[in-house]
């Protein structure tokens, strides 16, 4: 399974101290069926602990996902920033997720090469 993140997600996660190891753990949990919420379409919401604390006060990740194929981290926010995403944000993220899930593997590779998406490898 390819694990990717958008460039804006990557910047926000880095500024929040949310590293690739935590993202890979979240991806593995999603692939194992341990999803916190299904948001419709290809979107899921996953909670991730803030370093040194628990999940309840941690981060919320909005992820586009297709089993055994690809997972794209789209949006991250801290629970302390906002309780949840708005309906408008949800619709926009569903459209973006559907777009990424609809692309061929070759197109995803092109987007990685162009820097639009960042691929996270399980090998570090």
Foldseek 3Di string as FASTA:
>chain_A
DWEKEFPVQVVVCVVQVNDPVQVVVQVVCVLVVNFPAALDAQWTKHFTARVPGDRVQAKIWIWRDDHPPYIYTYDMDTCVVDVDDDPVVSVVVNVVSVVVVPDDPVVVVVCCVVRRMPIRDPVD
